[in-house]
Amino acid sequence: MAKDKPAERMKRKDYEKELEKLQVELCHLQDYVRANKLRVIILFEGRDAAGKGGTIKAITEKVSPRVFRVVALPAPSDRQKTQLFFQRYMEQFPAGGEIVIFDRSWYNRAGVEYVMGFCTPAEHERFLSLCPQMEKYVVDGGIVLIKIWLEVGMDEQERRFRARIDDPVRQWKLSPMDLESYRRWYDYSRARDQMLRKTSTKHAPWFIIRSDDKRRARLNCIAHLLKAIPHKRIKKDKVKLPRRSDKGRYNDRAGLRGLNFVAERY
């Protein structure tokens, strides 16, 4: 990692100014991906409360969900548990003109499944062995694969967990699994170290982003993605609104009279 001393937290005004610039560039990236039928996978991993959801929201806020598709798979069904491990993830892979963002991915096996005992040590070892091969197959097939690890510190994670406890609109983010991950900090650290060591390859390297300051993390992440996905601005004709036709003109407001409108409380 580049440095150990955290920078001063970024001010909201500065953050919003820079975010707007980057989101404009994401829209240009979107046009290029769609026009050239690129296939891109961006996967986000990190500890609980590392800021994955907020970072993904910042990326997707101003772009089309038809191009930037977010995948956050639930626990596997009984049927999926009998499939090949990678199968349900590969079903979500992009077609031409799509960017698929995995909010957690097949790396669940190297993290929560391993630490919590949801897979056997043999299954964990097999995953770490086969994963680089699978990812090489994906990359060789023409898919751009970007792997992001958000690294949050122990103190900051605790602060965020405590904030969730006291906030009724964020309490849903605090699950029993989150509390267990908080308790097993060092187990997760060892699992992280092993995962990064075994699966960061030349064809699919891990990129680590410090996320104690959520604002800086989001900006750094978007800037990295824009650099990692080669693109250029697509020249487009200026859009002009056509003239409305008066053919069949009638009082279309009158047709709504007597229908049920929502009460205007605000």
Protein backbone atom coordinates (compact mmCIF):
# COMPACT_ATOMS: atom_id res chain seq x y z
CA MET A 1 0.00 0.00 0.00
CA ALA A 2 1.19 3.46 -0.88
CA LYS A 3 0.92 5.08 2.52
CA ASP A 4 -0.24 4.39 6.06
CA LYS A 5 -1.21 7.85 7.30
CA PRO A 6 -4.79 8.73 6.24
CA ALA A 7 -5.44 12.03 4.49
CA GLU A 8 -7.77 14.66 5.91
CA ARG A 9 -11.40 13.85 5.14
CA MET A 10 -12.62 15.46 1.96
CA LYS A 11 -15.15 18.29 2.20
CA ARG A 12 -18.57 17.65 0.67
CA LYS A 13 -18.40 20.65 -1.68
CA ASP A 14 -15.05 19.54 -3.13
CA TYR A 15 -16.31 15.97 -3.41
CA GLU A 16 -19.49 16.88 -5.28
CA LYS A 17 -17.56 19.11 -7.69
CA GLU A 18 -15.12 16.34 -8.61
CA LEU A 19 -17.82 13.67 -8.66
CA GLU A 20 -19.82 15.62 -11.22
CA LYS A 21 -16.81 15.75 -13.58
CA LEU A 22 -16.20 12.03 -13.23
CA GLN A 23 -19.86 11.16 -13.75
CA VAL A 24 -19.86 13.11 -17.01
CA GLU A 25 -16.90 11.02 -18.13
CA LEU A 26 -18.74 7.85 -17.08
CA CYS A 27 -21.51 8.85 -19.48
CA HIS A 28 -18.94 9.13 -22.27
CA LEU A 29 -17.60 5.72 -21.28
CA GLN A 30 -21.14 4.37 -21.45
CA ASP A 31 -21.56 5.64 -25.03
CA TYR A 32 -18.28 4.03 -26.07
CA VAL A 33 -19.07 0.69 -24.44
CA ARG A 34 -22.48 0.59 -26.09
CA ALA A 35 -21.20 1.66 -29.52
CA ASN A 36 -18.32 -0.81 -29.53
CA LYS A 37 -20.16 -3.71 -27.84
CA LEU A 38 -17.55 -3.97 -25.10
CA ARG A 39 -18.08 -6.44 -22.27
CA VAL A 40 -16.88 -5.35 -18.85
CA ILE A 41 -17.01 -6.89 -15.38
CA ILE A 42 -16.24 -4.79 -12.30
CA LEU A 43 -16.34 -6.65 -9.02
CA PHE A 44 -16.25 -5.11 -5.58
CA GLU A 45 -15.03 -6.89 -2.50
CA GLY A 46 -14.06 -5.71 0.95
CA ARG A 47 -15.00 -6.00 4.57
CA ASP A 48 -18.51 -5.25 5.76
CA ALA A 49 -19.05 -1.47 5.95
CA ALA A 50 -16.12 -0.85 3.58
CA GLY A 51 -18.35 1.32 1.37
CA LYS A 52 -19.13 -0.97 -1.56
CA GLY A 53 -22.77 0.09 -1.87
CA GLY A 54 -22.04 3.82 -1.76
CA THR A 55 -19.25 3.49 -4.31
CA ILE A 56 -21.46 1.52 -6.69
CA LYS A 57 -24.21 4.11 -6.27
CA ALA A 58 -21.80 6.92 -7.15
CA ILE A 59 -20.77 5.05 -10.30
CA THR A 60 -24.30 4.23 -11.47
CA GLU A 61 -26.17 7.35 -10.35
CA LYS A 62 -26.10 9.16 -13.72
CA VAL A 63 -25.81 6.30 -16.22
CA SER A 64 -28.26 3.88 -17.78
CA PRO A 65 -29.08 0.67 -15.86
CA ARG A 66 -29.28 -1.02 -19.28
CA VAL A 67 -25.54 -0.50 -19.70
CA PHE A 68 -24.34 -0.47 -16.08
CA ARG A 69 -26.04 -3.52 -14.57
CA VAL A 70 -25.57 -4.17 -10.84
CA VAL A 71 -25.61 -7.79 -9.64
CA ALA A 72 -25.98 -8.54 -5.93
CA LEU A 73 -26.82 -12.23 -5.68
CA PRO A 74 -28.58 -13.63 -2.60
CA ALA A 75 -27.53 -16.85 -0.88
CA PRO A 76 -27.67 -19.79 -3.32
CA SER A 77 -30.85 -21.85 -3.52
CA ASP A 78 -30.84 -25.60 -2.87
CA ARG A 79 -30.68 -26.16 -6.63
CA GLN A 80 -27.80 -23.72 -7.10
CA LYS A 81 -25.85 -25.44 -4.35
CA THR A 82 -25.68 -28.52 -6.58
CA GLN A 83 -24.37 -26.59 -9.59
CA LEU A 84 -20.78 -25.79 -10.46
CA PHE A 85 -19.66 -23.08 -8.05
CA PHE A 86 -19.05 -20.43 -10.74
CA GLN A 87 -22.23 -21.26 -12.68
CA ARG A 88 -24.67 -18.79 -11.11
CA TYR A 89 -22.15 -15.99 -11.45
CA MET A 90 -21.39 -16.70 -15.10
CA GLU A 91 -25.12 -16.53 -15.86
CA GLN A 92 -24.84 -12.82 -15.02
CA PHE A 93 -21.86 -12.09 -17.28
CA PRO A 94 -22.22 -9.19 -19.74
CA ALA A 95 -23.33 -9.29 -23.34
CA GLY A 96 -21.95 -6.80 -25.84
CA GLY A 97 -22.46 -3.21 -24.71
CA GLU A 98 -22.81 -4.03 -21.01
CA ILE A 99 -20.86 -3.29 -17.84
CA VAL A 100 -21.78 -5.69 -15.05
CA ILE A 101 -20.94 -4.60 -11.51
CA PHE A 102 -20.80 -7.38 -8.94
CA ASP A 103 -21.61 -6.21 -5.42
CA ARG A 104 -19.71 -9.14 -3.97
CA SER A 105 -18.88 -11.98 -6.29
CA TRP A 106 -17.48 -15.48 -6.53
CA TYR A 107 -14.91 -14.29 -4.00
CA ASN A 108 -17.48 -14.97 -1.30
CA ARG A 109 -15.87 -18.40 -1.21
CA ALA A 110 -12.52 -16.90 -0.24
CA GLY A 111 -14.08 -14.66 2.41
CA VAL A 112 -17.33 -15.15 4.27
CA GLU A 113 -17.88 -18.77 3.19
CA TYR A 114 -14.40 -19.77 4.30
CA VAL A 115 -14.32 -17.81 7.55
CA MET A 116 -17.85 -18.78 8.60
CA GLY A 117 -17.45 -22.44 7.69
CA PHE A 118 -20.00 -22.43 4.85
CA CYS A 119 -17.52 -24.31 2.67
CA THR A 120 -14.95 -26.97 3.50
CA PRO A 121 -11.20 -26.26 3.61
CA ALA A 122 -10.86 -28.45 0.52
CA GLU A 123 -13.48 -26.39 -1.35
CA HIS A 124 -11.70 -23.21 -0.32
CA GLU A 125 -8.34 -24.50 -1.51
CA ARG A 126 -9.85 -25.69 -4.78
CA PHE A 127 -11.38 -22.27 -5.36
CA LEU A 128 -8.08 -20.45 -4.83
CA SER A 129 -6.44 -22.87 -7.26
CA LEU A 130 -9.07 -22.72 -10.01
CA CYS A 131 -10.11 -19.07 -9.78
CA PRO A 132 -7.08 -17.64 -11.66
CA GLN A 133 -7.65 -20.18 -14.43
CA MET A 134 -11.33 -19.28 -14.72
CA GLU A 135 -10.51 -15.57 -14.82
CA LYS A 136 -7.92 -16.13 -17.54
CA TYR A 137 -10.58 -17.87 -19.58
CA VAL A 138 -12.85 -14.85 -19.09
CA VAL A 139 -10.17 -12.31 -20.02
CA ASP A 140 -8.96 -14.35 -23.01
CA GLY A 141 -12.58 -14.38 -24.17
CA GLY A 142 -12.47 -10.61 -24.55
CA ILE A 143 -14.11 -9.48 -21.31
CA VAL A 144 -12.50 -6.62 -19.41
CA LEU A 145 -12.24 -7.78 -15.77
CA ILE A 146 -11.53 -5.25 -13.01
CA LYS A 147 -11.25 -6.39 -9.38
CA ILE A 148 -11.53 -3.81 -6.60
CA TRP A 149 -10.86 -4.41 -2.91
CA LEU A 150 -12.07 -1.63 -0.59
CA GLU A 151 -9.90 -1.55 2.53
CA VAL A 152 -11.49 -0.02 5.63
CA GLY A 153 -9.66 0.24 8.95
CA MET A 154 -10.73 -1.36 12.21
CA ASP A 155 -11.67 1.90 13.93
CA GLU A 156 -13.60 3.24 10.95
CA GLN A 157 -15.54 0.00 10.55
CA GLU A 158 -16.57 0.18 14.21
CA ARG A 159 -17.65 3.81 13.80
CA ARG A 160 -19.82 2.90 10.82
CA PHE A 161 -21.37 -0.07 12.59
CA ARG A 162 -22.25 2.07 15.61
CA ALA A 163 -23.76 4.71 13.32
CA ARG A 164 -25.98 2.04 11.77
CA ILE A 165 -27.20 0.91 15.18
CA ASP A 166 -28.48 4.41 15.94
CA ASP A 167 -29.90 5.22 12.49
CA PRO A 168 -33.36 3.76 11.71
CA VAL A 169 -32.85 4.10 7.93
CA ARG A 170 -29.56 2.21 8.03
CA GLN A 171 -30.29 -0.48 10.60
CA TRP A 172 -31.19 -2.89 7.82
CA LYS A 173 -27.51 -2.79 6.78
CA LEU A 174 -26.47 -4.40 10.07
CA SER A 175 -27.09 -8.14 9.83
CA PRO A 176 -26.04 -10.94 12.23
CA MET A 177 -23.36 -11.82 9.66
CA ASP A 178 -21.99 -8.27 9.89
CA LEU A 179 -21.73 -8.55 13.66
CA GLU A 180 -19.91 -11.84 13.33
CA SER A 181 -17.50 -10.34 10.81
CA TYR A 182 -16.82 -7.55 13.30
CA ARG A 183 -15.96 -10.10 15.97
CA ARG A 184 -13.70 -12.11 13.64
CA TRP A 185 -11.65 -9.21 12.30
CA TYR A 186 -8.34 -11.08 12.21
CA ASP A 187 -9.86 -14.23 10.70
CA TYR A 188 -11.11 -12.08 7.84
CA SER A 189 -7.71 -10.37 7.59
CA ARG A 190 -5.94 -13.70 7.14
CA ALA A 191 -8.53 -14.82 4.58
CA ARG A 192 -8.06 -11.51 2.71
CA ASP A 193 -4.28 -11.88 2.68
CA GLN A 194 -4.47 -15.40 1.33
CA MET A 195 -7.03 -14.47 -1.31
CA LEU A 196 -5.03 -11.50 -2.59
CA ARG A 197 -1.83 -13.52 -2.66
CA LYS A 198 -3.32 -16.45 -4.58
CA THR A 199 -5.65 -14.64 -7.01
CA SER A 200 -3.94 -11.39 -7.96
CA THR A 201 -2.52 -12.30 -11.36
CA LYS A 202 -1.05 -10.50 -14.34
CA HIS A 203 -4.25 -11.00 -16.34
CA ALA A 204 -6.60 -10.16 -13.44
CA PRO A 205 -4.83 -8.17 -10.70
CA TRP A 206 -6.47 -6.84 -7.56
CA PHE A 207 -6.57 -3.09 -7.02
CA ILE A 208 -6.87 -1.89 -3.43
CA ILE A 209 -8.56 1.37 -2.51
CA ARG A 210 -8.42 2.87 0.98
CA SER A 211 -11.99 3.61 2.04
CA ASP A 212 -11.77 5.19 5.49
CA ASP A 213 -12.77 8.40 3.70
CA LYS A 214 -15.74 7.32 1.58
CA ARG A 215 -15.64 10.40 -0.62
CA ARG A 216 -12.01 10.01 -1.60
CA ALA A 217 -12.53 6.27 -2.13
CA ARG A 218 -15.41 6.83 -4.54
CA LEU A 219 -13.52 9.42 -6.58
CA ASN A 220 -10.35 7.33 -6.68
CA CYS A 221 -12.35 4.29 -7.74
CA ILE A 222 -14.16 6.04 -10.59
CA ALA A 223 -10.93 7.65 -11.81
CA HIS A 224 -9.28 4.22 -11.81
CA LEU A 225 -12.15 2.63 -13.76
CA LEU A 226 -12.07 5.35 -16.39
CA LYS A 227 -8.38 4.73 -16.87
CA ALA A 228 -8.69 0.93 -16.81
CA ILE A 229 -11.36 0.77 -19.54
CA PRO A 230 -9.89 2.24 -22.74
CA HIS A 231 -12.40 4.59 -24.37
CA LYS A 232 -12.82 7.83 -26.21
CA ARG A 233 -15.69 10.26 -26.62
CA ILE A 234 -18.25 9.38 -29.24
CA LYS A 235 -19.20 12.27 -31.47
CA LYS A 236 -22.98 12.59 -31.59
CA ASP A 237 -25.36 14.81 -33.50
CA LYS A 238 -27.10 17.46 -31.45
CA VAL A 239 -30.58 16.37 -30.44
CA LYS A 240 -33.45 18.54 -31.65
CA LEU A 241 -37.02 18.18 -30.45
CA PRO A 242 -39.41 17.55 -33.34
CA ARG A 243 -42.47 19.73 -33.81
CA ARG A 244 -45.56 18.31 -32.10
CA SER A 245 -48.29 17.24 -34.47
CA ASP A 246 -51.73 18.84 -34.04
CA LYS A 247 -53.38 15.92 -35.80
CA GLY A 248 -56.13 14.46 -33.61
CA ARG A 249 -55.89 17.34 -31.18
CA TYR A 250 -58.31 17.31 -28.23
CA ASN A 251 -58.50 18.35 -24.56
CA ASP A 252 -56.44 15.48 -23.13
CA ARG A 253 -56.52 17.00 -19.63
CA ALA A 254 -60.30 16.62 -19.50
CA GLY A 255 -59.90 12.86 -19.93
CA LEU A 256 -58.36 12.68 -16.44
CA ARG A 257 -61.30 14.24 -14.64
CA GLY A 258 -62.98 12.04 -12.05
CA LEU A 259 -60.01 9.64 -11.80
CA ASN A 260 -58.09 8.85 -8.60
CA PHE A 261 -55.20 11.24 -7.99
CA VAL A 262 -52.78 10.84 -5.09
CA ALA A 263 -53.40 13.41 -2.35
CA GLU A 264 -50.97 16.34 -2.66
CA ARG A 265 -49.58 16.34 0.87
CA TYR A 266 -46.42 18.23 -0.02
